[in-house]
C-alpha atoms as a PDB file:
ATOM      1  CA  MET A   1      -0.447   0.186  -0.404  1.00  0.00           C
ATOM      2  CA  ARG A   2       1.209   3.132  -1.088  1.00  0.00           C
ATOM      3  CA  ILE A   3       0.146   6.572   1.292  1.00  0.00           C
ATOM      4  CA  LYS A   4       0.196   9.962  -0.574  1.00  0.00           C
ATOM      5  CA  SER A   5       1.646  13.250   1.418  1.00  0.00           C
ATOM      6  CA  LYS A   6       2.265  16.905   0.699  1.00  0.00           C
ATOM      7  CA  GLN A   7       6.134  16.021   1.494  1.00  0.00           C
ATOM      8  CA  ASN A   8       5.753  12.699  -0.210  1.00  0.00           C
ATOM      9  CA  LYS A   9       4.121  11.437  -3.462  1.00  0.00           C
ATOM     10  CA  GLY A  10       4.470   7.895  -2.869  1.00  0.00           C
ATOM     11  CA  LEU A  11       5.142   6.369   0.422  1.00  0.00           C
ATOM     12  CA  ARG A  12       5.497   2.195   0.846  1.00  0.00           C
ATOM     13  CA  MET A  13       3.158   1.597   3.751  1.00  0.00           C
ATOM     14  CA  THR A  14       5.048  -1.157   5.049  1.00  0.00           C
ATOM     15  CA  LEU A  15       3.735  -3.067   7.952  1.00  0.00           C
ATOM     16  CA  GLN A  16       5.768  -1.282  10.890  1.00  0.00           C
ATOM     17  CA  ARG A  17       5.419   2.050   9.536  1.00  0.00           C
ATOM     18  CA  ARG A  18       1.558   1.011   9.589  1.00  0.00           C
ATOM     19  CA  ILE A  19       1.256  -0.660  13.415  1.00  0.00           C
ATOM     20  CA  MET A  20       3.780   2.124  14.681  1.00  0.00           C
ATOM     21  CA  LEU A  21       0.763   4.893  13.101  1.00  0.00           C
ATOM     22  CA  GLU A  22      -1.875   2.914  14.622  1.00  0.00           C
ATOM     23  CA  GLU A  23       0.190   3.357  18.069  1.00  0.00           C
ATOM     24  CA  LEU A  24       0.895   6.828  17.539  1.00  0.00           C
ATOM     25  CA  ARG A  25      -2.495   8.152  16.833  1.00  0.00           C
ATOM     26  CA  SER A  26      -4.079   5.872  19.729  1.00  0.00           C
ATOM     27  CA  THR A  27      -2.596   7.759  22.420  1.00  0.00           C
ATOM     28  CA  ASP A  28      -2.425  11.509  22.928  1.00  0.00           C
ATOM     29  CA  CYS A  29       0.466  11.167  25.488  1.00  0.00           C
ATOM     30  CA  HIS A  30       2.994  11.891  22.504  1.00  0.00           C
ATOM     31  CA  PRO A  31       5.613   8.772  23.164  1.00  0.00           C
ATOM     32  CA  THR A  32       8.716   9.014  23.156  1.00  0.00           C
ATOM     33  CA  ALA A  33      11.115   6.835  20.589  1.00  0.00           C
ATOM     34  CA  ALA A  34      11.375   4.388  23.624  1.00  0.00           C
ATOM     35  CA  GLN A  35       7.796   4.023  24.301  1.00  0.00           C
ATOM     36  CA  VAL A  36       6.915   3.281  20.599  1.00  0.00           C
ATOM     37  CA  TYR A  37       9.343   0.627  20.943  1.00  0.00           C
ATOM     38  CA  LYS A  38       8.198  -0.994  23.174  1.00  0.00           C
ATOM     39  CA  ALA A  39       4.319  -0.538  21.909  1.00  0.00           C
ATOM     40  CA  VAL A  40       5.612  -1.476  18.235  1.00  0.00           C
ATOM     41  CA  ARG A  41       6.957  -4.964  20.533  1.00  0.00           C
ATOM     42  CA  GLU A  42       3.820  -6.178  21.632  1.00  0.00           C
ATOM     43  CA  ARG A  43       2.917  -6.859  17.725  1.00  0.00           C
ATOM     44  CA  ILE A  44       5.430  -7.196  16.205  1.00  0.00           C
ATOM     45  CA  PRO A  45       8.343  -8.718  19.061  1.00  0.00           C
ATOM     46  CA  ARG A  46      11.337  -8.686  16.472  1.00  0.00           C
ATOM     47  CA  ILE A  47      11.200  -5.430  15.177  1.00  0.00           C
ATOM     48  CA  SER A  48      14.366  -3.525  16.400  1.00  0.00           C
ATOM     49  CA  LEU A  49      15.190   0.442  18.101  1.00  0.00           C
ATOM     50  CA  GLY A  50      17.023   1.147  15.218  1.00  0.00           C
ATOM     51  CA  THR A  51      14.168   0.345  12.859  1.00  0.00           C
ATOM     52  CA  ILE A  52      11.999   2.660  14.626  1.00  0.00           C
ATOM     53  CA  TYR A  53      14.153   5.181  14.620  1.00  0.00           C
ATOM     54  CA  ARG A  54      14.293   5.117  11.043  1.00  0.00           C
ATOM     55  CA  ASN A  55      10.576   4.650  10.425  1.00  0.00           C
ATOM     56  CA  LEU A  56       9.659   7.408  12.588  1.00  0.00           C
ATOM     57  CA  ASP A  57      11.929  10.042  10.665  1.00  0.00           C
ATOM     58  CA  VAL A  58      10.588   8.541   7.472  1.00  0.00           C
ATOM     59  CA  LEU A  59       6.904   9.232   8.581  1.00  0.00           C
ATOM     60  CA  VAL A  60       7.994  12.331   9.998  1.00  0.00           C
ATOM     61  CA  LYS A  61       9.398  13.630   6.616  1.00  0.00           C
ATOM     62  CA  ALA A  62       5.851  12.407   5.019  1.00  0.00           C
ATOM     63  CA  GLY A  63       3.844  14.651   7.249  1.00  0.00           C
ATOM     64  CA  LEU A  64       2.268  11.361   8.845  1.00  0.00           C
ATOM     65  CA  ILE A  65       3.198  12.378  12.224  1.00  0.00           C
ATOM     66  CA  GLN A  66       5.134  14.897  13.998  1.00  0.00           C
ATOM     67  CA  LYS A  67       8.030  15.611  16.273  1.00  0.00           C
ATOM     68  CA  LEU A  68       8.230  17.131  19.378  1.00  0.00           C
ATOM     69  CA  GLU A  69      11.605  18.649  20.189  1.00  0.00           C
ATOM     70  CA  SER A  70      12.206  20.565  23.022  1.00  0.00           C
ATOM     71  CA  ALA A  71      16.155  21.258  24.935  1.00  0.00           C
ATOM     72  CA  GLY A  72      16.990  19.538  27.216  1.00  0.00           C
ATOM     73  CA  SER A  73      14.126  16.444  26.925  1.00  0.00           C
ATOM     74  CA  GLU A  74      14.019  13.754  24.936  1.00  0.00           C
ATOM     75  CA  LYS A  75      11.875  13.825  21.809  1.00  0.00           C
ATOM     76  CA  ARG A  76       8.298  12.709  22.421  1.00  0.00           C
ATOM     77  CA  PHE A  77       6.149  12.157  18.586  1.00  0.00           C
ATOM     78  CA  ASP A  78       2.379  12.688  18.226  1.00  0.00           C
ATOM     79  CA  GLY A  79       0.226  11.287  15.492  1.00  0.00           C
ATOM     80  CA  THR A  80      -1.805  14.642  15.507  1.00  0.00           C
ATOM     81  CA  THR A  81      -0.255  16.368  13.137  1.00  0.00           C
ATOM     82  CA  GLU A  82      -2.643  19.428  12.922  1.00  0.00           C
ATOM     83  CA  ASN A  83      -0.547  22.718  14.021  1.00  0.00           C
ATOM     84  CA  HIS A  84      -2.046  22.421  17.816  1.00  0.00           C
ATOM     85  CA  TYR A  85      -0.456  23.619  21.249  1.00  0.00           C
ATOM     86  CA  HIS A  86       1.074  21.503  23.992  1.00  0.00           C
ATOM     87  CA  VAL A  87       1.191  21.943  27.386  1.00  0.00           C
ATOM     88  CA  ARG A  88       4.942  20.078  29.157  1.00  0.00           C
ATOM     89  CA  CYS A  89       5.054  19.047  32.454  1.00  0.00           C
ATOM     90  CA  VAL A  90       8.626  20.408  33.570  1.00  0.00           C
ATOM     91  CA  SER A  91       9.065  17.779  36.697  1.00  0.00           C
ATOM     92  CA  CYS A  92       8.190  14.337  34.640  1.00  0.00           C
ATOM     93  CA  GLY A  93       8.313  15.880  31.117  1.00  0.00           C
ATOM     94  CA  ARG A  94       4.817  14.562  30.255  1.00  0.00           C
ATOM     95  CA  VAL A  95       3.659  15.853  27.393  1.00  0.00           C
ATOM     96  CA  GLY A  96      -0.386  16.601  26.587  1.00  0.00           C
ATOM     97  CA  ASP A  97      -2.978  18.601  23.667  1.00  0.00           C
ATOM     98  CA  LEU A  98      -4.477  22.405  24.026  1.00  0.00           C
ATOM     99  CA  SER A  99      -7.601  21.021  22.252  1.00  0.00           C
ATOM    100  CA  GLY A 100     -10.098  24.433  20.715  1.00  0.00           C
ATOM    101  CA  SER A 101      -6.045  26.303  21.329  1.00  0.00           C
ATOM    102  CA  GLN A 102      -5.505  27.059  17.595  1.00  0.00           C
ATOM    103  CA  SER A 103      -5.589  30.530  16.822  1.00  0.00           C
ATOM    104  CA  SER A 104      -5.743  31.441  13.040  1.00  0.00           C
ATOM    105  CA  GLU A 105      -6.289  35.209  14.624  1.00  0.00           C
ATOM    106  CA  LEU A 106      -2.494  34.777  15.975  1.00  0.00           C
ATOM    107  CA  GLU A 107      -1.100  33.605  12.605  1.00  0.00           C
ATOM    108  CA  ILE A 108      -3.020  35.758  10.458  1.00  0.00           C
ATOM    109  CA  ALA A 109      -1.122  38.809  12.728  1.00  0.00           C
ATOM    110  CA  VAL A 110       2.517  37.568  12.522  1.00  0.00           C
ATOM    111  CA  GLN A 111       2.194  37.019   8.758  1.00  0.00           C
ATOM    112  CA  GLU A 112       0.968  40.324   8.402  1.00  0.00           C
ATOM    113  CA  LYS A 113       4.068  41.868  10.438  1.00  0.00           C
ATOM    114  CA  THR A 114       6.511  39.825   9.400  1.00  0.00           C
ATOM    115  CA  ASP A 115       5.324  39.405   5.608  1.00  0.00           C
ATOM    116  CA  TYR A 116       6.433  35.735   6.260  1.00  0.00           C
ATOM    117  CA  GLU A 117       3.940  32.684   4.383  1.00  0.00           C
ATOM    118  CA  ILE A 118       3.111  30.828   7.486  1.00  0.00           C
ATOM    119  CA  ILE A 119       3.143  27.656   6.680  1.00  0.00           C
ATOM    120  CA  GLY A 120       2.785  25.879  10.416  1.00  0.00           C
ATOM    121  CA  TYR A 121       3.576  26.580  14.119  1.00  0.00           C
ATOM    122  CA  TRP A 122       4.836  24.426  17.062  1.00  0.00           C
ATOM    123  CA  LEU A 123       3.297  26.047  20.752  1.00  0.00           C
ATOM    124  CA  GLU A 124       4.447  24.504  24.188  1.00  0.00           C
ATOM    125  CA  TYR A 125       3.229  25.731  27.393  1.00  0.00           C
ATOM    126  CA  THR A 126       5.152  24.496  30.409  1.00  0.00           C
ATOM    127  CA  GLY A 127       4.323  23.986  33.945  1.00  0.00           C
ATOM    128  CA  LEU A 128       3.411  21.266  36.553  1.00  0.00           C
ATOM    129  CA  CYS A 129       0.914  18.502  35.506  1.00  0.00           C
ATOM    130  CA  PRO A 130      -1.666  17.195  37.889  1.00  0.00           C
ATOM    131  CA  GLU A 131       0.086  14.660  39.450  1.00  0.00           C
ATOM    132  CA  CYS A 132       2.871  16.190  39.878  1.00  0.00           C
ATOM    133  CA  LYS A 133       0.927  19.529  41.494  1.00  0.00           C
ATOM    134  CA  LYS A 134      -0.359  16.578  44.110  1.00  0.00           C
ATOM    135  CA  SER A 135       3.240  15.564  44.723  1.00  0.00           C
ATOM    136  CA  LYS A 136       4.388  19.318  45.117  1.00  0.00           C
ATOM    137  CA  SER A 137       1.868  19.946  47.404  1.00  0.00           C
ATOM    138  CA  SER A 138       1.654  16.835  49.861  1.00  0.00           C
ATOM    139  CA  ASP A 139       5.958  17.567  50.062  1.00  0.00           C
ATOM    140  CA  GLU A 140       4.889  21.020  50.860  1.00  0.00           C
ATOM    141  CA  GLU A 141       3.144  20.225  53.555  1.00  0.00           C
ATOM    142  CA  ASP A 142       5.433  17.478  55.523  1.00  0.00           C
END
């Protein structure tokens, strides 16, 4: 099977790539390559970590997934390719989506101010996730 995307005229959809896409699109936790490997390995026990890394890069280049890079933290992958905002916990590294946060007004303002043609964006808020916030509160009470 071949998949057409904006960046790739016809990507060959191997079993490994299909399963990786299924795993990434079935979660909203933005897994690392190691987490993708663990999930895919349950379905394809003989797959190697190198195959995971190579195919994640292929899927990113084809525009079928996003790679989230943040200074000082592991790369994470997102099965949602539409522009959207993220929130990352500075304590545990958990990453989540902020739904309904797309702002075409902001894109238009940036485009008008800079004269750039805006083709995409990646915005990340940082803070403490509910679990880390709760843990921090418990530590402070002790």
